[in-house]
Amino acid sequence: MSRLPKPFAEGFNLGREAHFNNAKIVFSRACSEPNPDYPRWSRKRIEETCWELLMNGYLNCEDLIDPVVTFANSPESYMQYVDQHPEQSIKMGVTF
């Protein structure tokens, strides 16, 4: 006679299942701590590799920092682009 496992309870549960079936969550940030690829990929190696890719033209970051605002307008711009409407920019730059 086969015994079927008991169905999971609804909702967020950090019981037995969470301790034995650990999910591996992968983020797009290569430098998250703890770095799961360390020591093969140290923070220094990540930075050097990214810089090399950028300097050799493999990465185009022309539109990455947009908008670029003046220091005087930075508080209002931060509120708009970071707090209220983050979908309107990837990274906000500030000129001094």
PDB file of N, CA and C in Angstrom:
ATOM      1  N   MET A   1       0.841  -1.170   0.000  1.00  0.00           N
ATOM      2  CA  MET A   1       0.000   0.000   0.000  1.00  0.00           C
ATOM      3  C   MET A   1       0.892   1.241   0.000  1.00  0.00           C
ATOM      4  N   SER A   2       0.738   2.072  -1.018  1.00  0.00           N
ATOM      5  CA  SER A   2       1.552   3.288  -1.075  1.00  0.00           C
ATOM      6  C   SER A   2       0.903   4.372  -0.219  1.00  0.00           C
ATOM      7  N   ARG A   3       1.759   5.088   0.395  1.00  0.00           N
ATOM      8  CA  ARG A   3       1.276   6.146   1.275  1.00  0.00           C
ATOM      9  C   ARG A   3       1.570   7.495   0.617  1.00  0.00           C
ATOM     10  N   LEU A   4       0.556   8.276   0.374  1.00  0.00           N
ATOM     11  CA  LEU A   4       0.722   9.582  -0.244  1.00  0.00           C
ATOM     12  C   LEU A   4       1.180  10.592   0.797  1.00  0.00           C
ATOM     13  N   PRO A   5       2.067  11.488   0.387  1.00  0.00           N
ATOM     14  CA  PRO A   5       2.502  12.506   1.343  1.00  0.00           C
ATOM     15  C   PRO A   5       1.364  13.462   1.690  1.00  0.00           C
ATOM     16  N   LYS A   6       1.432  13.963   2.871  1.00  0.00           N
ATOM     17  CA  LYS A   6       0.439  14.914   3.336  1.00  0.00           C
ATOM     18  C   LYS A   6       0.582  16.214   2.534  1.00  0.00           C
ATOM     19  N   PRO A   7      -0.509  16.816   2.074  1.00  0.00           N
ATOM     20  CA  PRO A   7      -0.400  18.058   1.312  1.00  0.00           C
ATOM     21  C   PRO A   7       0.148  19.190   2.191  1.00  0.00           C
ATOM     22  N   PHE A   8       0.846  20.118   1.532  1.00  0.00           N
ATOM     23  CA  PHE A   8       1.386  21.265   2.263  1.00  0.00           C
ATOM     24  C   PHE A   8       0.259  22.170   2.730  1.00  0.00           C
ATOM     25  N   ALA A   9       0.463  22.735   3.895  1.00  0.00           N
ATOM     26  CA  ALA A   9      -0.489  23.726   4.392  1.00  0.00           C
ATOM     27  C   ALA A   9      -0.334  25.001   3.573  1.00  0.00           C
ATOM     28  N   GLU A  10      -1.413  25.724   3.440  1.00  0.00           N
ATOM     29  CA  GLU A  10      -1.342  26.979   2.693  1.00  0.00           C
ATOM     30  C   GLU A  10      -0.605  28.022   3.510  1.00  0.00           C
ATOM     31  N   GLY A  11      -0.002  28.978   2.812  1.00  0.00           N
ATOM     32  CA  GLY A  11       0.688  30.069   3.486  1.00  0.00           C
ATOM     33  C   GLY A  11       2.178  29.842   3.565  1.00  0.00           C
ATOM     34  N   PHE A  12       2.850  30.772   4.167  1.00  0.00           N
ATOM     35  CA  PHE A  12       4.307  30.752   4.299  1.00  0.00           C
ATOM     36  C   PHE A  12       4.692  29.847   5.455  1.00  0.00           C
ATOM     37  N   ASN A  13       5.529  28.832   5.188  1.00  0.00           N
ATOM     38  CA  ASN A  13       5.878  27.859   6.213  1.00  0.00           C
ATOM     39  C   ASN A  13       7.376  27.606   6.174  1.00  0.00           C
ATOM     40  N   LEU A  14       8.054  27.846   7.286  1.00  0.00           N
ATOM     41  CA  LEU A  14       9.483  27.559   7.374  1.00  0.00           C
ATOM     42  C   LEU A  14       9.720  26.327   8.244  1.00  0.00           C
ATOM     43  N   GLY A  15       8.879  25.347   8.098  1.00  0.00           N
ATOM     44  CA  GLY A  15       9.012  24.124   8.871  1.00  0.00           C
ATOM     45  C   GLY A  15       9.989  23.151   8.239  1.00  0.00           C
ATOM     46  N   ARG A  16       9.722  21.866   8.388  1.00  0.00           N
ATOM     47  CA  ARG A  16      10.609  20.797   7.934  1.00  0.00           C
ATOM     48  C   ARG A  16      10.979  20.933   6.455  1.00  0.00           C
ATOM     49  N   GLU A  17      10.002  21.213   5.619  1.00  0.00           N
ATOM     50  CA  GLU A  17      10.238  21.291   4.175  1.00  0.00           C
ATOM     51  C   GLU A  17      11.275  22.361   3.839  1.00  0.00           C
ATOM     52  N   ALA A  18      11.200  23.495   4.494  1.00  0.00           N
ATOM     53  CA  ALA A  18      12.142  24.581   4.222  1.00  0.00           C
ATOM     54  C   ALA A  18      13.553  24.220   4.658  1.00  0.00           C
ATOM     55  N   HIS A  19      13.684  23.389   5.675  1.00  0.00           N
ATOM     56  CA  HIS A  19      15.012  23.023   6.165  1.00  0.00           C
ATOM     57  C   HIS A  19      15.675  21.940   5.318  1.00  0.00           C
ATOM     58  N   PHE A  20      14.891  21.105   4.673  1.00  0.00           N
ATOM     59  CA  PHE A  20      15.465  20.004   3.909  1.00  0.00           C
ATOM     60  C   PHE A  20      15.463  20.239   2.405  1.00  0.00           C
ATOM     61  N   ASN A  21      14.581  21.030   1.904  1.00  0.00           N
ATOM     62  CA  ASN A  21      14.526  21.329   0.475  1.00  0.00           C
ATOM     63  C   ASN A  21      14.863  22.798   0.268  1.00  0.00           C
ATOM     64  N   ASN A  22      16.115  23.127   0.502  1.00  0.00           N
ATOM     65  CA  ASN A  22      16.554  24.518   0.397  1.00  0.00           C
ATOM     66  C   ASN A  22      16.614  24.943  -1.061  1.00  0.00           C
ATOM     67  N   ALA A  23      15.889  25.978  -1.366  1.00  0.00           N
ATOM     68  CA  ALA A  23      15.916  26.524  -2.718  1.00  0.00           C
ATOM     69  C   ALA A  23      17.179  27.346  -2.910  1.00  0.00           C
ATOM     70  N   LYS A  24      17.700  27.313  -4.108  1.00  0.00           N
ATOM     71  CA  LYS A  24      18.831  28.180  -4.436  1.00  0.00           C
ATOM     72  C   LYS A  24      18.265  29.355  -5.215  1.00  0.00           C
ATOM     73  N   ILE A  25      18.358  30.521  -4.634  1.00  0.00           N
ATOM     74  CA  ILE A  25      17.840  31.721  -5.266  1.00  0.00           C
ATOM     75  C   ILE A  25      19.002  32.429  -5.946  1.00  0.00           C
ATOM     76  N   VAL A  26      18.858  32.705  -7.227  1.00  0.00           N
ATOM     77  CA  VAL A  26      19.920  33.336  -7.995  1.00  0.00           C
ATOM     78  C   VAL A  26      19.493  34.760  -8.327  1.00  0.00           C
ATOM     79  N   PHE A  27      20.319  35.706  -7.951  1.00  0.00           N
ATOM     80  CA  PHE A  27      20.048  37.110  -8.225  1.00  0.00           C
ATOM     81  C   PHE A  27      20.907  37.565  -9.397  1.00  0.00           C
ATOM     82  N   SER A  28      20.492  38.618 -10.047  1.00  0.00           N
ATOM     83  CA  SER A  28      21.271  39.129 -11.168  1.00  0.00           C
ATOM     84  C   SER A  28      22.492  39.914 -10.712  1.00  0.00           C
ATOM     85  N   ARG A  29      22.612  40.142  -9.446  1.00  0.00           N
ATOM     86  CA  ARG A  29      23.783  40.835  -8.893  1.00  0.00           C
ATOM     87  C   ARG A  29      24.884  39.836  -8.647  1.00  0.00           C
ATOM     88  N   ALA A  30      25.982  39.996  -9.311  1.00  0.00           N
ATOM     89  CA  ALA A  30      27.095  39.064  -9.144  1.00  0.00           C
ATOM     90  C   ALA A  30      27.854  39.302  -7.851  1.00  0.00           C
ATOM     91  N   CYS A  31      27.672  40.458  -7.240  1.00  0.00           N
ATOM     92  CA  CYS A  31      28.472  40.771  -6.055  1.00  0.00           C
ATOM     93  C   CYS A  31      27.673  40.668  -4.759  1.00  0.00           C
ATOM     94  N   SER A  32      26.572  39.929  -4.753  1.00  0.00           N
ATOM     95  CA  SER A  32      25.795  39.763  -3.527  1.00  0.00           C
ATOM     96  C   SER A  32      26.591  38.980  -2.503  1.00  0.00           C
ATOM     97  N   GLU A  33      26.387  39.300  -1.251  1.00  0.00           N
ATOM     98  CA  GLU A  33      27.063  38.592  -0.165  1.00  0.00           C
ATOM     99  C   GLU A  33      26.073  37.680   0.534  1.00  0.00           C
ATOM    100  N   PRO A  34      26.420  36.466   0.861  1.00  0.00           N
ATOM    101  CA  PRO A  34      27.701  35.852   0.540  1.00  0.00           C
ATOM    102  C   PRO A  34      27.755  35.454  -0.931  1.00  0.00           C
ATOM    103  N   ASN A  35      28.916  35.606  -1.517  1.00  0.00           N
ATOM    104  CA  ASN A  35      29.115  35.297  -2.930  1.00  0.00           C
ATOM    105  C   ASN A  35      29.201  33.778  -3.090  1.00  0.00           C
ATOM    106  N   PRO A  36      28.202  33.159  -3.735  1.00  0.00           N
ATOM    107  CA  PRO A  36      28.204  31.702  -3.862  1.00  0.00           C
ATOM    108  C   PRO A  36      29.324  31.167  -4.751  1.00  0.00           C
ATOM    109  N   ASP A  37      29.929  32.021  -5.569  1.00  0.00           N
ATOM    110  CA  ASP A  37      31.002  31.586  -6.462  1.00  0.00           C
ATOM    111  C   ASP A  37      32.394  31.884  -5.925  1.00  0.00           C
ATOM    112  N   TYR A  38      32.472  32.398  -4.690  1.00  0.00           N
ATOM    113  CA  TYR A  38      33.774  32.665  -4.077  1.00  0.00           C
ATOM    114  C   TYR A  38      34.401  31.336  -3.685  1.00  0.00           C
ATOM    115  N   PRO A  39      35.661  31.083  -3.872  1.00  0.00           N
ATOM    116  CA  PRO A  39      36.746  31.988  -4.206  1.00  0.00           C
ATOM    117  C   PRO A  39      37.033  32.090  -5.703  1.00  0.00           C
ATOM    118  N   ARG A  40      36.355  31.300  -6.515  1.00  0.00           N
ATOM    119  CA  ARG A  40      36.622  31.359  -7.952  1.00  0.00           C
ATOM    120  C   ARG A  40      36.363  32.755  -8.501  1.00  0.00           C
ATOM    121  N   TRP A  41      35.281  33.387  -8.062  1.00  0.00           N
ATOM    122  CA  TRP A  41      34.949  34.746  -8.477  1.00  0.00           C
ATOM    123  C   TRP A  41      34.958  35.642  -7.245  1.00  0.00           C
ATOM    124  N   SER A  42      36.095  36.248  -6.978  1.00  0.00           N
ATOM    125  CA  SER A  42      36.192  37.196  -5.865  1.00  0.00           C
ATOM    126  C   SER A  42      35.618  38.542  -6.315  1.00  0.00           C
ATOM    127  N   ARG A  43      35.365  39.412  -5.361  1.00  0.00           N
ATOM    128  CA  ARG A  43      34.853  40.741  -5.721  1.00  0.00           C
ATOM    129  C   ARG A  43      35.844  41.472  -6.629  1.00  0.00           C
ATOM    130  N   LYS A  44      37.131  41.323  -6.340  1.00  0.00           N
ATOM    131  CA  LYS A  44      38.158  41.978  -7.164  1.00  0.00           C
ATOM    132  C   LYS A  44      38.115  41.447  -8.596  1.00  0.00           C
ATOM    133  N   ARG A  45      37.984  40.141  -8.769  1.00  0.00           N
ATOM    134  CA  ARG A  45      37.933  39.568 -10.119  1.00  0.00           C
ATOM    135  C   ARG A  45      36.676  40.037 -10.861  1.00  0.00           C
ATOM    136  N   ILE A  46      35.557  40.117 -10.161  1.00  0.00           N
ATOM    137  CA  ILE A  46      34.322  40.604 -10.784  1.00  0.00           C
ATOM    138  C   ILE A  46      34.511  42.035 -11.273  1.00  0.00           C
ATOM    139  N   GLU A  47      35.072  42.895 -10.405  1.00  0.00           N
ATOM    140  CA  GLU A  47      35.290  44.295 -10.779  1.00  0.00           C
ATOM    141  C   GLU A  47      36.251  44.413 -11.955  1.00  0.00           C
ATOM    142  N   GLU A  48      37.348  43.662 -11.928  1.00  0.00           N
ATOM    143  CA  GLU A  48      38.331  43.721 -13.018  1.00  0.00           C
ATOM    144  C   GLU A  48      37.738  43.230 -14.332  1.00  0.00           C
ATOM    145  N   THR A  49      36.954  42.169 -14.276  1.00  0.00           N
ATOM    146  CA  THR A  49      36.339  41.624 -15.486  1.00  0.00           C
ATOM    147  C   THR A  49      35.327  42.601 -16.070  1.00  0.00           C
ATOM    148  N   CYS A  50      34.501  43.184 -15.218  1.00  0.00           N
ATOM    149  CA  CYS A  50      33.520  44.164 -15.698  1.00  0.00           C
ATOM    150  C   CYS A  50      34.210  45.377 -16.309  1.00  0.00           C
ATOM    151  N   TRP A  51      35.264  45.853 -15.655  1.00  0.00           N
ATOM    152  CA  TRP A  51      35.995  47.011 -16.177  1.00  0.00           C
ATOM    153  C   TRP A  51      36.625  46.687 -17.536  1.00  0.00           C
ATOM    154  N   GLU A  52      37.194  45.497 -17.658  1.00  0.00           N
ATOM    155  CA  GLU A  52      37.804  45.077 -18.926  1.00  0.00           C
ATOM    156  C   GLU A  52      36.754  44.994 -20.034  1.00  0.00           C
ATOM    157  N   LEU A  53      35.586  44.421 -19.732  1.00  0.00           N
ATOM    158  CA  LEU A  53      34.515  44.338 -20.724  1.00  0.00           C
ATOM    159  C   LEU A  53      34.052  45.728 -21.147  1.00  0.00           C
ATOM    160  N   LEU A  54      33.948  46.629 -20.188  1.00  0.00           N
ATOM    161  CA  LEU A  54      33.526  47.992 -20.486  1.00  0.00           C
ATOM    162  C   LEU A  54      34.564  48.723 -21.334  1.00  0.00           C
ATOM    163  N   MET A  55      35.824  48.648 -20.938  1.00  0.00           N
ATOM    164  CA  MET A  55      36.881  49.381 -21.633  1.00  0.00           C
ATOM    165  C   MET A  55      37.159  48.832 -23.030  1.00  0.00           C
ATOM    166  N   ASN A  56      36.888  47.565 -23.267  1.00  0.00           N
ATOM    167  CA  ASN A  56      37.118  46.965 -24.582  1.00  0.00           C
ATOM    168  C   ASN A  56      35.888  47.030 -25.487  1.00  0.00           C
ATOM    169  N   GLY A  57      34.844  47.718 -25.034  1.00  0.00           N
ATOM    170  CA  GLY A  57      33.674  47.932 -25.876  1.00  0.00           C
ATOM    171  C   GLY A  57      32.677  46.792 -25.915  1.00  0.00           C
ATOM    172  N   TYR A  58      32.817  45.807 -25.041  1.00  0.00           N
ATOM    173  CA  TYR A  58      31.865  44.698 -25.028  1.00  0.00           C
ATOM    174  C   TYR A  58      30.566  45.062 -24.320  1.00  0.00           C
ATOM    175  N   LEU A  59      30.617  46.061 -23.443  1.00  0.00           N
ATOM    176  CA  LEU A  59      29.425  46.534 -22.745  1.00  0.00           C
ATOM    177  C   LEU A  59      29.136  47.959 -23.181  1.00  0.00           C
ATOM    178  N   ASN A  60      27.911  48.224 -23.552  1.00  0.00           N
ATOM    179  CA  ASN A  60      27.505  49.576 -23.911  1.00  0.00           C
ATOM    180  C   ASN A  60      26.650  50.117 -22.773  1.00  0.00           C
ATOM    181  N   CYS A  61      27.196  51.060 -22.051  1.00  0.00           N
ATOM    182  CA  CYS A  61      26.502  51.622 -20.891  1.00  0.00           C
ATOM    183  C   CYS A  61      26.010  53.038 -21.153  1.00  0.00           C
ATOM    184  N   GLU A  62      25.970  53.414 -22.419  1.00  0.00           N
ATOM    185  CA  GLU A  62      25.595  54.782 -22.788  1.00  0.00           C
ATOM    186  C   GLU A  62      24.272  55.206 -22.167  1.00  0.00           C
ATOM    187  N   ASP A  63      23.267  54.357 -22.227  1.00  0.00           N
ATOM    188  CA  ASP A  63      21.933  54.717 -21.734  1.00  0.00           C
ATOM    189  C   ASP A  63      21.648  54.192 -20.329  1.00  0.00           C
ATOM    190  N   LEU A  64      22.637  53.624 -19.690  1.00  0.00           N
ATOM    191  CA  LEU A  64      22.419  53.039 -18.368  1.00  0.00           C
ATOM    192  C   LEU A  64      22.135  54.104 -17.317  1.00  0.00           C
ATOM    193  N   ILE A  65      22.913  55.171 -17.309  1.00  0.00           N
ATOM    194  CA  ILE A  65      22.725  56.233 -16.325  1.00  0.00           C
ATOM    195  C   ILE A  65      21.878  57.317 -16.970  1.00  0.00           C
ATOM    196  N   ASP A  66      20.607  57.303 -16.637  1.00  0.00           N
ATOM    197  CA  ASP A  66      19.650  58.236 -17.206  1.00  0.00           C
ATOM    198  C   ASP A  66      18.455  58.320 -16.271  1.00  0.00           C
ATOM    199  N   PRO A  67      18.074  59.476 -15.854  1.00  0.00           N
ATOM    200  CA  PRO A  67      18.546  60.791 -16.231  1.00  0.00           C
ATOM    201  C   PRO A  67      19.798  61.190 -15.453  1.00  0.00           C
ATOM    202  N   VAL A  68      20.482  62.200 -15.961  1.00  0.00           N
ATOM    203  CA  VAL A  68      21.573  62.838 -15.232  1.00  0.00           C
ATOM    204  C   VAL A  68      21.050  64.211 -14.827  1.00  0.00           C
ATOM    205  N   VAL A  69      21.033  64.471 -13.530  1.00  0.00           N
ATOM    206  CA  VAL A  69      20.442  65.706 -13.007  1.00  0.00           C
ATOM    207  C   VAL A  69      21.511  66.540 -12.311  1.00  0.00           C
ATOM    208  N   THR A  70      21.213  67.799 -12.102  1.00  0.00           N
ATOM    209  CA  THR A  70      22.148  68.660 -11.378  1.00  0.00           C
ATOM    210  C   THR A  70      22.056  68.368  -9.885  1.00  0.00           C
ATOM    211  N   PHE A  71      23.112  68.719  -9.180  1.00  0.00           N
ATOM    212  CA  PHE A  71      23.124  68.526  -7.732  1.00  0.00           C
ATOM    213  C   PHE A  71      21.977  69.293  -7.076  1.00  0.00           C
ATOM    214  N   ALA A  72      21.708  70.497  -7.577  1.00  0.00           N
ATOM    215  CA  ALA A  72      20.630  71.316  -7.011  1.00  0.00           C
ATOM    216  C   ALA A  72      19.266  70.643  -7.157  1.00  0.00           C
ATOM    217  N   ASN A  73      19.067  69.895  -8.238  1.00  0.00           N
ATOM    218  CA  ASN A  73      17.784  69.214  -8.472  1.00  0.00           C
ATOM    219  C   ASN A  73      17.761  67.780  -7.964  1.00  0.00           C
ATOM    220  N   SER A  74      18.838  67.327  -7.358  1.00  0.00           N
ATOM    221  CA  SER A  74      18.917  65.917  -6.971  1.00  0.00           C
ATOM    222  C   SER A  74      17.880  65.482  -5.931  1.00  0.00           C
ATOM    223  N   PRO A  75      17.514  66.287  -4.926  1.00  0.00           N
ATOM    224  CA  PRO A  75      16.489  65.805  -3.975  1.00  0.00           C
ATOM    225  C   PRO A  75      15.146  65.523  -4.652  1.00  0.00           C
ATOM    226  N   GLU A  76      14.688  66.456  -5.493  1.00  0.00           N
ATOM    227  CA  GLU A  76      13.406  66.253  -6.181  1.00  0.00           C
ATOM    228  C   GLU A  76      13.495  65.093  -7.176  1.00  0.00           C
ATOM    229  N   SER A  77      14.615  65.019  -7.877  1.00  0.00           N
ATOM    230  CA  SER A  77      14.798  63.938  -8.852  1.00  0.00           C
ATOM    231  C   SER A  77      14.859  62.585  -8.167  1.00  0.00           C
ATOM    232  N   TYR A  78      15.512  62.519  -7.016  1.00  0.00           N
ATOM    233  CA  TYR A  78      15.578  61.264  -6.265  1.00  0.00           C
ATOM    234  C   TYR A  78      14.171  60.816  -5.886  1.00  0.00           C
ATOM    235  N   MET A  79      13.375  61.761  -5.405  1.00  0.00           N
ATOM    236  CA  MET A  79      11.995  61.423  -5.041  1.00  0.00           C
ATOM    237  C   MET A  79      11.235  60.879  -6.249  1.00  0.00           C
ATOM    238  N   GLN A  80      11.418  61.515  -7.406  1.00  0.00           N
ATOM    239  CA  GLN A  80      10.686  61.089  -8.596  1.00  0.00           C
ATOM    240  C   GLN A  80      11.186  59.757  -9.130  1.00  0.00           C
ATOM    241  N   TYR A  81      12.495  59.643  -9.372  1.00  0.00           N
ATOM    242  CA  TYR A  81      13.028  58.489 -10.093  1.00  0.00           C
ATOM    243  C   TYR A  81      13.361  57.292  -9.216  1.00  0.00           C
ATOM    244  N   VAL A  82      13.578  57.511  -7.946  1.00  0.00           N
ATOM    245  CA  VAL A  82      13.935  56.388  -7.075  1.00  0.00           C
ATOM    246  C   VAL A  82      12.763  55.997  -6.180  1.00  0.00           C
ATOM    247  N   ASP A  83      12.173  56.967  -5.502  1.00  0.00           N
ATOM    248  CA  ASP A  83      11.094  56.663  -4.561  1.00  0.00           C
ATOM    249  C   ASP A  83       9.744  56.426  -5.225  1.00  0.00           C
ATOM    250  N   GLN A  84       9.342  57.335  -6.101  1.00  0.00           N
ATOM    251  CA  GLN A  84       7.974  57.290  -6.614  1.00  0.00           C
ATOM    252  C   GLN A  84       7.819  56.536  -7.933  1.00  0.00           C
ATOM    253  N   HIS A  85       8.784  56.665  -8.843  1.00  0.00           N
ATOM    254  CA  HIS A  85       8.656  56.041 -10.170  1.00  0.00           C
ATOM    255  C   HIS A  85       9.966  55.371 -10.590  1.00  0.00           C
ATOM    256  N   PRO A  86      10.395  54.327  -9.905  1.00  0.00           N
ATOM    257  CA  PRO A  86      11.667  53.682 -10.259  1.00  0.00           C
ATOM    258  C   PRO A  86      11.657  53.061 -11.653  1.00  0.00           C
ATOM    259  N   GLU A  87      10.493  52.825 -12.215  1.00  0.00           N
ATOM    260  CA  GLU A  87      10.420  52.249 -13.560  1.00  0.00           C
ATOM    261  C   GLU A  87      10.859  53.247 -14.632  1.00  0.00           C
ATOM    262  N   GLN A  88      11.010  54.522 -14.281  1.00  0.00           N
ATOM    263  CA  GLN A  88      11.382  55.543 -15.254  1.00  0.00           C
ATOM    264  C   GLN A  88      12.888  55.645 -15.492  1.00  0.00           C
ATOM    265  N   SER A  89      13.686  54.964 -14.686  1.00  0.00           N
ATOM    266  CA  SER A  89      15.137  55.026 -14.899  1.00  0.00           C
ATOM    267  C   SER A  89      15.803  53.770 -14.368  1.00  0.00           C
ATOM    268  N   ILE A  90      17.007  53.506 -14.873  1.00  0.00           N
ATOM    269  CA  ILE A  90      17.802  52.396 -14.350  1.00  0.00           C
ATOM    270  C   ILE A  90      18.693  52.913 -13.238  1.00  0.00           C
ATOM    271  N   LYS A  91      19.494  53.916 -13.547  1.00  0.00           N
ATOM    272  CA  LYS A  91      20.365  54.574 -12.565  1.00  0.00           C
ATOM    273  C   LYS A  91      20.312  56.070 -12.807  1.00  0.00           C
ATOM    274  N   MET A  92      20.147  56.814 -11.734  1.00  0.00           N
ATOM    275  CA  MET A  92      20.130  58.268 -11.841  1.00  0.00           C
ATOM    276  C   MET A  92      21.530  58.797 -11.576  1.00  0.00           C
ATOM    277  N   GLY A  93      22.013  59.678 -12.449  1.00  0.00           N
ATOM    278  CA  GLY A  93      23.318  60.297 -12.263  1.00  0.00           C
ATOM    279  C   GLY A  93      23.166  61.719 -11.754  1.00  0.00           C
ATOM    280  N   VAL A  94      24.176  62.194 -11.045  1.00  0.00           N
ATOM    281  CA  VAL A  94      24.162  63.556 -10.511  1.00  0.00           C
ATOM    282  C   VAL A  94      25.444  64.254 -10.946  1.00  0.00           C
ATOM    283  N   THR A  95      25.305  65.446 -11.539  1.00  0.00           N
ATOM    284  CA  THR A  95      26.476  66.245 -11.907  1.00  0.00           C
ATOM    285  C   THR A  95      26.749  67.258 -10.810  1.00  0.00           C
ATOM    286  N   PHE A  96      28.022  67.531 -10.584  1.00  0.00           N
ATOM    287  CA  PHE A  96      28.434  68.483  -9.543  1.00  0.00           C
ATOM    288  C   PHE A  96      29.077  69.682 -10.185  1.00  0.00           C
TER     289      PHE A  96
END
